[in-house]
Amino acid sequence: MLAWRRLHVTAGTASRLLTSPRVIQQPWMCGQGCQSLSTSKSNQNDFFKDLEFQFESLRKKAADALPSSNWNPHVMNPDMPPGQADIVIVGGGVVGWSIAYWLKAKEGNRGGVKVLVVEKDPRYLQASTVLSAGGIRQQFSLRENIYLSLVSADFMRNINEHLGVLNEDPVDLQFNHSGYLFLANENVAHIMEENIKTQRQAGAKVSLLSPMQLQEKFPWISTKDVALASYGLENEGWFDAWTLLNAFRRKAISMGAIQCFGEVTGFKYAVSRKMIADEESMEYKRIKNVNVQMPNSREYQSVKCAVVVNAAGASSGKLVGMMDCGLDSTSSETPFPVEPRKRYIYVVHCPNGPGLDCPFLVDYSGIYFRREGLGGNYITGSSPAGDEEPDTTNLEVDHHFFEDRIWPHLAHRVPAFENLKVTSAWAGFYDYNTFDQNAILGNHPVVNNMYIATGFSGHGLQHSPAVGRAMAELILDGNFQTLDLSALSYKRILTQEPMLERNIV
């Protein structure tokens, strides 16, 4: 049995070795012709490079000696997070990086707030941000969602004033302002009229179209069984989600935010009890450390912190579960209502389909589609019925779902889609709020230094600029400053008072 012991050499130790008169100069410590040893930074770097070379030789010898073993001597990971941060944001999607940007933008002095963003998917292969349809709309039924969209759209129109980085290329979101078009039949037309009234009062520019007006404006649409349509006149359309995510990330890092690729596997926390009623008490928790597991490694780092932000999207419920929280004053638990829900997006090719005037169309049947590029391509999808929710243990695509649930409605609404070809498809996760399909923003009721920004149920991407600012205000100022989003707090879940959004796509 071979025993190996790792050699630890610090910068201070290296300096003492290099300056000690008792050190015997070795050939591997400097090149041929070296006359003297220096304490300069370059020679210290050479020392560590040579030391790593020695370790590499040891690892090779170990592999040769134990060919049947996959054991490898431990190597220090250069991407380990710092041992301490003021705020740890769990989730490096667009919401997490937006929060990081706004925290850095609000800090009084540069470096005043040490922000660490932890993302478990280094290549963003399963990130909901980049697997979305990339739409933004004001056509919601709740004022909070309308305001979030209006603020976010304004941010995107002026994105380089916010996210531009000196000596870097300007941000181009490829924002297509073709609008959203919602269709209603006789059964839901009255709901559309009520929504339009709310949207206009909030400041959104939306028009109502009769079936005749709809046919005149978009002659490729079949208006059969359409009673009413609502069309967004500005600040609606779609954009490149990956570009927005990278723009937030690039800017936040340039301002001092720290990026770490790893998975949060647990917390260290303190527990206290407070009396809340006669002879009744409530257990509260406060996170002290966040344990971050490095990718493809047994290494982990315990990060001491003051605040944790749960922006983990579809994994946010799992994160809360690590705290083992009972959320009411009795012994029973109120489950955290956010879970992953898989949604499919299909790319279809139809040369004779709608042209450049094609909006992001949402039919009352639940199917949607929009144009993708200029070559007769479109993306389409639909949320499954409650009893048809697909398996969330993978991101495999069910092509029968398109054939059975989507294509018939597409062809019914746009006759040209009777002849199309599916060219590709993918699946992504919603951070689905099973309680009311709306975001949960604010403090966790039991873990008093955890803030939550999740449960968007499909509209997190479009609301990310405004949500990031709101969460930064809540964390640093103690309350919402520019938008009052207190109605989206966890309180409504504890009191069982849902805020139901009627325009869910």
Protein backbone atom coordinates (compact mmCIF):
# COMPACT_ATOMS: atom_id res chain seq x y z
CA MET A 1 0.00 0.00 0.00
CA LEU A 2 1.56 3.26 -1.09
CA ALA A 3 1.09 6.26 1.14
CA TRP A 4 1.25 9.71 -0.32
CA ARG A 5 1.44 12.96 1.55
CA ARG A 6 0.71 16.28 -0.09
CA LEU A 7 3.41 18.95 0.10
CA HIS A 8 2.07 22.39 1.10
CA VAL A 9 4.22 25.36 0.11
CA THR A 10 2.99 28.89 0.71
CA ALA A 11 4.30 32.05 -0.92
CA GLY A 12 5.95 32.99 2.37
CA THR A 13 7.67 29.63 2.62
CA ALA A 14 8.88 29.92 -0.95
CA SER A 15 10.34 33.34 -0.22
CA ARG A 16 12.23 32.06 2.80
CA LEU A 17 13.57 29.11 0.82
CA LEU A 18 14.73 31.38 -1.96
CA THR A 19 16.53 33.83 0.36
CA SER A 20 18.03 31.39 2.87
CA PRO A 21 21.87 31.13 2.57
CA ARG A 22 21.64 27.45 3.54
CA VAL A 23 19.62 26.53 0.44
CA ILE A 24 21.66 24.47 -2.00
CA GLN A 25 20.96 25.59 -5.53
CA GLN A 26 19.42 22.79 -7.57
CA PRO A 27 19.30 22.58 -11.38
CA TRP A 28 15.49 22.49 -11.39
CA MET A 29 15.31 25.76 -9.45
CA CYS A 30 16.77 27.95 -12.22
CA GLY A 31 18.09 27.63 -15.75
CA GLN A 32 21.63 26.97 -16.84
CA GLY A 33 23.84 30.00 -16.29
CA CYS A 34 21.81 31.28 -13.32
CA GLN A 35 24.23 33.26 -11.15
CA SER A 36 22.08 34.11 -8.16
CA LEU A 37 18.66 33.58 -6.65
CA SER A 38 16.27 36.51 -6.50
CA THR A 39 13.18 37.12 -4.40
CA SER A 40 11.41 38.74 -7.35
CA LYS A 41 7.86 37.77 -8.24
CA SER A 42 8.94 36.23 -11.55
CA ASN A 43 11.34 33.82 -9.84
CA GLN A 44 8.72 32.89 -7.28
CA ASN A 45 6.36 32.08 -10.15
CA ASP A 46 9.11 29.97 -11.75
CA PHE A 47 9.54 28.16 -8.46
CA PHE A 48 5.85 27.23 -8.33
CA LYS A 49 5.84 26.17 -11.97
CA ASP A 50 8.78 23.87 -11.32
CA LEU A 51 7.07 22.56 -8.20
CA GLU A 52 3.96 21.73 -10.19
CA PHE A 53 6.18 19.99 -12.73
CA GLN A 54 7.51 17.78 -9.93
CA PHE A 55 3.94 16.99 -8.84
CA GLU A 56 3.04 16.07 -12.41
CA SER A 57 5.97 13.66 -12.50
CA LEU A 58 4.78 12.10 -9.23
CA ARG A 59 1.26 11.69 -10.61
CA LYS A 60 2.58 10.01 -13.74
CA LYS A 61 4.72 7.62 -11.71
CA ALA A 62 1.71 6.80 -9.51
CA ALA A 63 -0.42 6.06 -12.56
CA ASP A 64 2.30 3.84 -14.03
CA ALA A 65 2.76 2.00 -10.73
CA LEU A 66 -0.98 1.49 -10.23
CA PRO A 67 -2.39 1.02 -13.75
CA SER A 68 -5.64 -0.46 -12.45
CA SER A 69 -6.34 2.47 -10.14
CA ASN A 70 -8.04 5.75 -11.06
CA TRP A 71 -6.61 7.40 -7.96
CA ASN A 72 -4.84 10.69 -8.55
CA PRO A 73 -2.99 12.89 -6.06
CA HIS A 74 -4.98 15.92 -5.01
CA VAL A 75 -4.42 19.06 -7.10
CA MET A 76 -5.29 22.55 -5.89
CA ASN A 77 -8.18 23.91 -7.96
CA PRO A 78 -7.42 27.46 -9.12
CA ASP A 79 -11.15 28.19 -9.45
CA MET A 80 -11.99 27.65 -5.79
CA PRO A 81 -14.27 30.37 -4.40
CA PRO A 82 -12.99 32.68 -1.67
CA GLY A 83 -13.37 31.57 1.93
CA GLN A 84 -15.51 34.58 2.74
CA ALA A 85 -18.01 36.83 0.96
CA ASP A 86 -20.62 39.34 2.05
CA ILE A 87 -23.33 37.99 -0.26
CA VAL A 88 -23.45 34.57 -1.93
CA ILE A 89 -25.84 34.31 -4.87
CA VAL A 90 -26.74 30.70 -5.64
CA GLY A 91 -27.59 30.51 -9.32
CA GLY A 92 -25.63 32.07 -12.16
CA GLY A 93 -28.53 32.44 -14.56
CA VAL A 94 -29.81 35.79 -15.76
CA VAL A 95 -31.65 36.53 -12.49
CA GLY A 96 -28.61 35.76 -10.34
CA TRP A 97 -26.26 37.86 -12.45
CA SER A 98 -28.76 40.70 -12.62
CA ILE A 99 -28.88 40.77 -8.82
CA ALA A 100 -25.07 40.73 -8.71
CA TYR A 101 -24.87 43.65 -11.14
CA TRP A 102 -27.35 45.78 -9.21
CA LEU A 103 -25.67 45.01 -5.89
CA LYS A 104 -22.36 46.23 -7.29
CA ALA A 105 -24.03 49.23 -8.90
CA LYS A 106 -25.53 50.25 -5.56
CA GLU A 107 -22.45 49.77 -3.39
CA GLY A 108 -21.08 53.03 -2.00
CA ASN A 109 -17.39 52.31 -2.55
CA ARG A 110 -15.86 49.90 -5.04
CA GLY A 111 -15.25 46.65 -3.24
CA GLY A 112 -17.61 47.67 -0.46
CA VAL A 113 -19.79 44.60 -1.02
CA LYS A 114 -18.07 41.31 -1.82
CA VAL A 115 -20.50 39.40 -4.07
CA LEU A 116 -19.96 35.75 -5.06
CA VAL A 117 -22.10 34.10 -7.75
CA VAL A 118 -22.13 30.28 -7.71
CA GLU A 119 -23.31 28.39 -10.80
CA LYS A 120 -23.33 24.58 -10.96
CA ASP A 121 -23.47 24.29 -14.77
CA PRO A 122 -20.19 25.70 -16.16
CA ARG A 123 -21.28 25.33 -19.80
CA TYR A 124 -24.90 26.38 -19.17
CA LEU A 125 -26.09 23.26 -20.98
CA GLN A 126 -29.21 22.95 -18.80
CA ALA A 127 -29.66 26.60 -17.85
CA SER A 128 -33.26 27.77 -18.16
CA THR A 129 -32.09 31.19 -19.35
CA VAL A 130 -30.54 29.97 -22.59
CA LEU A 131 -33.19 27.29 -23.23
CA SER A 132 -36.10 29.73 -23.18
CA ALA A 133 -38.08 31.28 -26.04
CA GLY A 134 -36.61 34.69 -25.23
CA GLY A 135 -39.84 36.71 -25.20
CA ILE A 136 -40.85 39.87 -23.34
CA ARG A 137 -44.39 41.20 -22.99
CA GLN A 138 -46.50 43.57 -20.95
CA GLN A 139 -49.68 41.56 -21.50
CA PHE A 140 -50.14 40.17 -17.99
CA SER A 141 -53.14 40.33 -15.69
CA LEU A 142 -51.27 41.44 -12.53
CA ARG A 143 -49.94 44.96 -12.15
CA GLU A 144 -46.72 43.73 -10.57
CA ASN A 145 -45.88 41.66 -13.64
CA ILE A 146 -46.78 44.51 -15.99
CA TYR A 147 -44.56 46.93 -14.10
CA LEU A 148 -41.70 44.44 -14.06
CA SER A 149 -41.97 44.11 -17.85
CA LEU A 150 -42.15 47.87 -18.45
CA VAL A 151 -39.06 48.54 -16.35
CA SER A 152 -37.17 45.63 -17.91
CA ALA A 153 -38.07 46.71 -21.46
CA ASP A 154 -36.78 50.22 -20.75
CA PHE A 155 -33.56 48.71 -19.41
CA MET A 156 -33.12 46.62 -22.56
CA ARG A 157 -33.74 49.58 -24.86
CA ASN A 158 -30.92 51.44 -23.12
CA ILE A 159 -28.82 48.41 -22.28
CA ASN A 160 -25.44 49.88 -23.12
CA GLU A 161 -26.00 52.72 -20.67
CA HIS A 162 -26.18 50.02 -17.98
CA LEU A 163 -24.12 47.07 -19.16
CA GLY A 164 -21.62 48.60 -21.52
CA VAL A 165 -18.00 47.85 -20.55
CA LEU A 166 -15.13 50.17 -21.46
CA ASN A 167 -13.06 48.91 -24.41
CA GLU A 168 -15.48 46.05 -25.01
CA ASP A 169 -17.95 45.61 -27.87
CA PRO A 170 -21.40 47.13 -27.24
CA VAL A 171 -24.21 44.81 -26.25
CA ASP A 172 -26.58 43.84 -29.08
CA LEU A 173 -29.61 41.98 -27.76
CA GLN A 174 -31.04 41.54 -31.29
CA PHE A 175 -34.30 42.82 -29.86
CA ASN A 176 -37.13 42.16 -32.31
CA HIS A 177 -40.02 44.53 -31.53
CA SER A 178 -42.72 42.61 -33.38
CA GLY A 179 -44.97 42.43 -30.32
CA TYR A 180 -47.14 39.74 -28.75
CA LEU A 181 -50.50 38.77 -30.19
CA PHE A 182 -52.97 37.01 -27.88
CA LEU A 183 -56.09 35.37 -29.31
CA ALA A 184 -59.30 34.74 -27.35
CA ASN A 185 -62.47 32.82 -28.09
CA GLU A 186 -65.94 33.67 -26.80
CA ASN A 187 -65.31 31.92 -23.47
CA VAL A 188 -62.31 34.04 -22.48
CA ALA A 189 -62.85 37.29 -24.41
CA HIS A 190 -64.18 39.04 -21.29
CA ILE A 191 -60.98 38.15 -19.42
CA MET A 192 -58.91 39.68 -22.22
CA GLU A 193 -60.93 42.90 -21.97
CA GLU A 194 -60.35 43.07 -18.22
CA ASN A 195 -56.62 42.44 -18.71
CA ILE A 196 -56.35 45.16 -21.37
CA LYS A 197 -57.87 47.67 -18.98
CA THR A 198 -55.34 46.77 -16.28
CA GLN A 199 -52.45 46.88 -18.77
CA ARG A 200 -53.38 50.31 -20.10
CA GLN A 201 -53.81 51.72 -16.59
CA ALA A 202 -50.30 50.50 -15.78
CA GLY A 203 -48.89 52.29 -18.84
CA ALA A 204 -48.66 49.49 -21.41
CA LYS A 205 -49.47 50.24 -25.04
CA VAL A 206 -51.86 47.49 -26.14
CA SER A 207 -54.67 47.48 -28.70
CA LEU A 208 -57.77 45.32 -29.08
CA LEU A 209 -58.51 43.85 -32.49
CA SER A 210 -61.78 42.43 -33.78
CA PRO A 211 -61.64 39.33 -36.00
CA MET A 212 -62.02 41.56 -39.08
CA GLN A 213 -59.21 43.88 -37.98
CA LEU A 214 -57.07 40.87 -37.16
CA GLN A 215 -57.60 39.43 -40.64
CA GLU A 216 -56.71 42.73 -42.28
CA LYS A 217 -53.50 43.13 -40.31
CA PHE A 218 -52.36 39.52 -40.48
CA PRO A 219 -54.02 37.87 -43.50
CA TRP A 220 -52.15 34.60 -42.91
CA ILE A 221 -54.17 33.98 -39.71
CA SER A 222 -57.37 31.98 -39.72
CA THR A 223 -59.84 33.92 -37.56
CA LYS A 224 -62.24 31.01 -37.24
CA ASP A 225 -63.46 30.82 -33.58
CA VAL A 226 -61.49 33.97 -32.64
CA ALA A 227 -63.66 36.51 -30.83
CA LEU A 228 -61.00 39.05 -29.84
CA ALA A 229 -57.26 39.69 -30.04
CA SER A 230 -54.86 41.88 -28.06
CA TYR A 231 -51.70 43.20 -29.69
CA GLY A 232 -48.72 44.84 -28.00
CA LEU A 233 -47.71 48.04 -29.79
CA GLU A 234 -44.32 48.61 -28.13
CA ASN A 235 -41.81 47.10 -25.69
CA GLU A 236 -42.84 43.58 -26.72
CA GLY A 237 -41.15 40.94 -28.82
CA TRP A 238 -38.12 38.71 -28.34
CA PHE A 239 -34.37 38.96 -27.92
CA ASP A 240 -31.23 36.84 -27.52
CA ALA A 241 -31.26 35.42 -23.98
CA TRP A 242 -27.64 34.27 -24.02
CA THR A 243 -26.50 37.81 -24.88
CA LEU A 244 -28.43 39.30 -21.96
CA LEU A 245 -27.02 36.74 -19.53
CA ASN A 246 -23.46 37.34 -20.70
CA ALA A 247 -23.92 41.11 -20.62
CA PHE A 248 -24.99 41.01 -16.97
CA ARG A 249 -22.17 38.63 -16.12
CA ARG A 250 -19.48 40.58 -17.97
CA LYS A 251 -20.52 43.88 -16.39
CA ALA A 252 -20.87 42.49 -12.86
CA ILE A 253 -17.43 40.85 -13.04
CA SER A 254 -15.91 44.09 -14.35
CA MET A 255 -17.35 45.79 -11.25
CA GLY A 256 -15.79 43.26 -8.90
CA ALA A 257 -18.32 40.43 -8.59
CA ILE A 258 -16.71 36.99 -8.25
CA GLN A 259 -17.71 34.04 -10.43
CA CYS A 260 -17.48 30.46 -9.23
CA PHE A 261 -18.54 27.27 -10.98
CA GLY A 262 -19.58 24.74 -8.36
CA GLU A 263 -22.63 23.27 -6.67
CA VAL A 264 -23.97 24.30 -3.29
CA THR A 265 -24.36 21.07 -1.33
CA GLY A 266 -25.26 22.35 2.12
CA PHE A 267 -25.14 25.05 4.73
CA LYS A 268 -23.77 25.58 8.19
CA TYR A 269 -26.25 27.56 10.23
CA ALA A 270 -27.19 28.66 13.71
CA VAL A 271 -30.58 27.90 15.25
CA SER A 272 -32.59 30.00 17.67
CA ARG A 273 -36.12 29.88 19.04
CA LYS A 274 -38.47 32.81 19.61
CA MET A 275 -41.78 32.92 21.38
CA ILE A 276 -44.57 33.83 18.97
CA ALA A 277 -47.63 33.16 21.14
CA ASP A 278 -48.54 31.84 24.55
CA GLU A 279 -46.43 28.75 25.11
CA GLU A 280 -45.67 28.54 21.39
CA SER A 281 -42.27 29.12 19.85
CA MET A 282 -40.81 29.26 16.36
CA GLU A 283 -37.43 27.97 15.26
CA TYR A 284 -35.37 30.36 13.17
CA LYS A 285 -32.13 29.74 11.33
CA ARG A 286 -29.26 31.89 10.13
CA ILE A 287 -26.76 30.70 7.55
CA LYS A 288 -23.13 31.03 8.56
CA ASN A 289 -21.37 29.17 5.75
CA VAL A 290 -22.22 27.91 2.27
CA ASN A 291 -20.55 24.65 1.18
CA VAL A 292 -19.55 24.76 -2.49
CA GLN A 293 -18.58 21.50 -4.21
CA MET A 294 -16.25 21.93 -7.16
CA PRO A 295 -17.18 20.29 -10.50
CA ASN A 296 -15.79 16.80 -11.14
CA SER A 297 -13.85 16.90 -7.90
CA ARG A 298 -14.06 15.97 -4.25
CA GLU A 299 -12.87 19.42 -3.30
CA TYR A 300 -15.25 21.81 -1.66
CA GLN A 301 -14.99 25.22 -0.09
CA SER A 302 -16.89 26.48 2.92
CA VAL A 303 -17.69 30.13 2.24
CA LYS A 304 -18.46 32.28 5.25
CA CYS A 305 -21.12 34.86 4.41
CA ALA A 306 -23.67 37.31 5.78
CA VAL A 307 -26.41 36.91 3.14
CA VAL A 308 -27.48 34.12 0.77
CA VAL A 309 -29.65 34.79 -2.30
CA ASN A 310 -31.58 31.81 -3.62
CA ALA A 311 -31.74 32.46 -7.38
CA ALA A 312 -31.33 28.79 -8.25
CA GLY A 313 -34.38 28.63 -10.51
CA ALA A 314 -35.71 25.11 -10.97
CA SER A 315 -33.32 23.92 -8.24
CA SER A 316 -34.38 26.55 -5.70
CA GLY A 317 -36.71 24.16 -3.90
CA LYS A 318 -33.88 21.69 -3.42
CA LEU A 319 -31.78 24.49 -1.96
CA VAL A 320 -34.45 25.39 0.60
CA GLY A 321 -34.83 21.72 1.44
CA MET A 322 -31.22 21.65 2.64
CA MET A 323 -32.27 23.91 5.52
CA ASP A 324 -34.95 21.49 6.80
CA CYS A 325 -37.40 24.34 7.41
CA GLY A 326 -40.77 24.09 9.09
CA LEU A 327 -42.59 27.17 7.88
CA ASP A 328 -45.50 27.58 10.26
CA SER A 329 -46.02 27.77 14.01
CA THR A 330 -47.10 24.13 14.33
CA SER A 331 -45.17 20.94 13.88
CA SER A 332 -46.30 20.51 10.27
CA GLU A 333 -44.35 21.91 7.35
CA THR A 334 -45.43 24.18 4.53
CA PRO A 335 -43.58 22.83 1.47
CA PHE A 336 -41.62 25.29 -0.64
CA PRO A 337 -43.85 25.49 -3.74
CA VAL A 338 -41.23 25.71 -6.51
CA GLU A 339 -40.30 22.68 -8.56
CA PRO A 340 -38.85 21.99 -12.02
CA ARG A 341 -41.31 21.55 -14.88
CA LYS A 342 -40.04 20.48 -18.28
CA ARG A 343 -41.13 22.38 -21.37
CA TYR A 344 -40.40 21.55 -25.02
CA ILE A 345 -39.52 24.01 -27.77
CA TYR A 346 -39.59 22.88 -31.40
CA VAL A 347 -37.98 24.56 -34.40
CA VAL A 348 -40.01 24.16 -37.59
CA HIS A 349 -39.32 25.19 -41.16
CA CYS A 350 -42.15 26.47 -43.33
CA PRO A 351 -41.08 28.46 -46.45
CA ASN A 352 -44.63 29.79 -47.01
CA GLY A 353 -45.26 30.72 -43.39
CA PRO A 354 -45.82 34.21 -41.92
CA GLY A 355 -43.36 36.86 -43.02
CA LEU A 356 -41.50 39.67 -41.27
CA ASP A 357 -44.69 41.00 -39.69
CA CYS A 358 -45.07 37.81 -37.63
CA PRO A 359 -45.55 38.61 -33.92
CA PHE A 360 -45.12 36.29 -30.96
CA LEU A 361 -48.54 34.67 -31.25
CA VAL A 362 -50.24 33.01 -28.27
CA ASP A 363 -53.44 31.12 -29.10
CA TYR A 364 -56.18 30.50 -26.54
CA SER A 365 -55.51 26.77 -27.05
CA GLY A 366 -52.17 27.29 -25.29
CA ILE A 367 -49.83 26.91 -28.26
CA TYR A 368 -47.45 29.70 -29.20
CA PHE A 369 -45.03 30.42 -32.02
CA ARG A 370 -42.76 33.18 -33.26
CA ARG A 371 -40.46 33.75 -36.18
CA GLU A 372 -36.83 32.67 -35.79
CA GLY A 373 -34.53 34.48 -38.18
CA LEU A 374 -35.34 35.26 -41.81
CA GLY A 375 -35.32 31.87 -43.51
CA GLY A 376 -38.83 30.56 -42.88
CA ASN A 377 -38.00 29.13 -39.46
CA TYR A 378 -40.22 29.36 -36.37
CA ILE A 379 -40.10 28.15 -32.80
CA THR A 380 -43.20 26.80 -31.14
CA GLY A 381 -44.35 25.10 -27.95
CA SER A 382 -47.12 24.66 -25.43
CA SER A 383 -47.48 23.82 -21.76
CA PRO A 384 -48.86 20.30 -21.19
CA ALA A 385 -51.99 19.60 -19.21
CA GLY A 386 -51.55 18.91 -15.52
CA ASP A 387 -51.86 15.15 -15.94
CA GLU A 388 -49.36 15.15 -18.81
CA GLU A 389 -46.38 16.75 -17.07
CA PRO A 390 -43.24 15.09 -18.48
CA ASP A 391 -40.43 13.47 -16.55
CA THR A 392 -37.99 16.05 -15.14
CA THR A 393 -35.05 13.71 -14.55
CA ASN A 394 -33.75 14.46 -18.05
CA LEU A 395 -34.04 16.96 -20.89
CA GLU A 396 -35.14 14.52 -23.57
CA VAL A 397 -37.73 15.78 -26.06
CA ASP A 398 -41.02 14.03 -26.76
CA HIS A 399 -41.67 14.48 -30.48
CA HIS A 400 -45.10 12.88 -30.19
CA PHE A 401 -46.12 15.87 -28.08
CA PHE A 402 -45.57 18.11 -31.08
CA GLU A 403 -47.48 15.85 -33.43
CA ASP A 404 -50.42 15.28 -31.08
CA ARG A 405 -50.72 18.52 -29.08
CA ILE A 406 -49.13 21.32 -31.09
CA TRP A 407 -49.21 20.73 -34.84
CA PRO A 408 -53.01 20.38 -35.14
CA HIS A 409 -53.52 23.77 -33.43
CA LEU A 410 -50.75 25.39 -35.49
CA ALA A 411 -52.30 24.24 -38.75
CA HIS A 412 -55.75 25.29 -37.57
CA ARG A 413 -54.58 28.83 -36.80
CA VAL A 414 -52.14 29.27 -39.70
CA PRO A 415 -53.13 27.11 -42.72
CA ALA A 416 -49.60 27.42 -44.16
CA PHE A 417 -48.35 25.35 -41.23
CA GLU A 418 -50.12 22.29 -42.59
CA ASN A 419 -46.87 21.76 -44.49
CA LEU A 420 -43.86 22.12 -42.23
CA LYS A 421 -40.83 20.20 -41.06
CA VAL A 422 -39.42 19.93 -37.55
CA THR A 423 -35.72 20.68 -37.89
CA SER A 424 -34.66 20.60 -34.23
CA ALA A 425 -36.00 20.71 -30.69
CA TRP A 426 -34.88 21.12 -27.11
CA ALA A 427 -36.25 21.06 -23.59
CA GLY A 428 -35.72 23.37 -20.63
CA PHE A 429 -36.99 23.76 -17.09
CA TYR A 430 -39.45 26.25 -15.65
CA ASP A 431 -38.97 27.20 -12.00
CA TYR A 432 -42.66 26.46 -11.61
CA ASN A 433 -44.51 27.93 -8.64
CA THR A 434 -47.21 25.35 -7.93
CA PHE A 435 -49.01 27.79 -5.61
CA ASP A 436 -49.91 30.57 -8.07
CA GLN A 437 -47.37 30.52 -10.95
CA ASN A 438 -45.87 33.83 -9.87
CA ALA A 439 -42.47 34.91 -8.63
CA ILE A 440 -41.50 34.68 -4.96
CA LEU A 441 -39.39 37.70 -4.05
CA GLY A 442 -38.11 38.61 -0.61
CA ASN A 443 -36.94 37.15 2.67
CA HIS A 444 -37.35 33.53 3.60
CA PRO A 445 -39.70 33.46 6.61
CA VAL A 446 -37.57 31.07 8.68
CA VAL A 447 -34.01 31.45 7.37
CA ASN A 448 -33.62 35.10 8.20
CA ASN A 449 -30.58 35.83 6.02
CA MET A 450 -31.78 33.99 2.91
CA TYR A 451 -33.42 36.05 0.17
CA ILE A 452 -35.50 34.37 -2.53
CA ALA A 453 -35.90 35.26 -6.21
CA THR A 454 -37.52 32.30 -7.92
CA GLY A 455 -40.83 30.74 -8.97
CA PHE A 456 -41.23 32.84 -12.12
CA SER A 457 -42.94 30.00 -13.99
CA GLY A 458 -41.60 31.06 -17.37
CA HIS A 459 -41.19 34.85 -17.14
CA GLY A 460 -37.96 35.15 -15.16
CA LEU A 461 -35.83 36.05 -18.19
CA GLN A 462 -37.95 38.99 -19.28
CA HIS A 463 -38.27 40.34 -15.72
CA SER A 464 -34.64 39.84 -14.73
CA PRO A 465 -33.46 43.47 -15.09
CA ALA A 466 -36.22 44.83 -12.82
CA VAL A 467 -36.05 41.89 -10.39
CA GLY A 468 -32.29 42.33 -9.98
CA ARG A 469 -32.71 45.96 -9.02
CA ALA A 470 -35.60 45.19 -6.65
CA MET A 471 -33.67 42.46 -4.84
CA ALA A 472 -30.57 44.67 -4.51
CA GLU A 473 -32.75 47.36 -2.94
CA LEU A 474 -34.29 44.89 -0.53
CA ILE A 475 -30.90 43.53 0.54
CA LEU A 476 -28.97 46.80 0.82
CA ASP A 477 -31.73 49.30 1.66
CA GLY A 478 -34.00 47.03 3.65
CA ASN A 479 -37.08 47.53 1.44
CA PHE A 480 -38.21 47.97 -2.15
CA GLN A 481 -37.46 51.47 -3.44
CA THR A 482 -38.51 51.81 -7.08
CA LEU A 483 -41.19 49.11 -7.44
CA ASP A 484 -43.34 47.89 -4.57
CA LEU A 485 -43.18 44.12 -5.00
CA SER A 486 -44.15 43.24 -1.44
CA ALA A 487 -47.25 41.45 -2.74
CA LEU A 488 -44.89 38.85 -4.27
CA SER A 489 -43.33 37.99 -0.90
CA TYR A 490 -43.49 34.61 0.82
CA LYS A 491 -46.21 35.93 3.11
CA ARG A 492 -48.95 35.12 0.58
CA ILE A 493 -47.94 31.46 0.67
CA LEU A 494 -48.06 31.28 4.46
CA THR A 495 -51.47 32.98 4.52
CA GLN A 496 -52.69 30.91 1.55
CA GLU A 497 -53.64 33.99 -0.50
CA PRO A 498 -52.53 33.27 -4.08
CA MET A 499 -51.87 35.96 -6.69
CA LEU A 500 -53.09 34.17 -9.77
CA GLU A 501 -51.77 35.30 -13.14
CA ARG A 502 -54.27 34.64 -15.90
CA ASN A 503 -51.84 35.13 -18.78
CA ILE A 504 -49.47 32.21 -18.28
CA VAL A 505 -47.72 30.87 -21.38
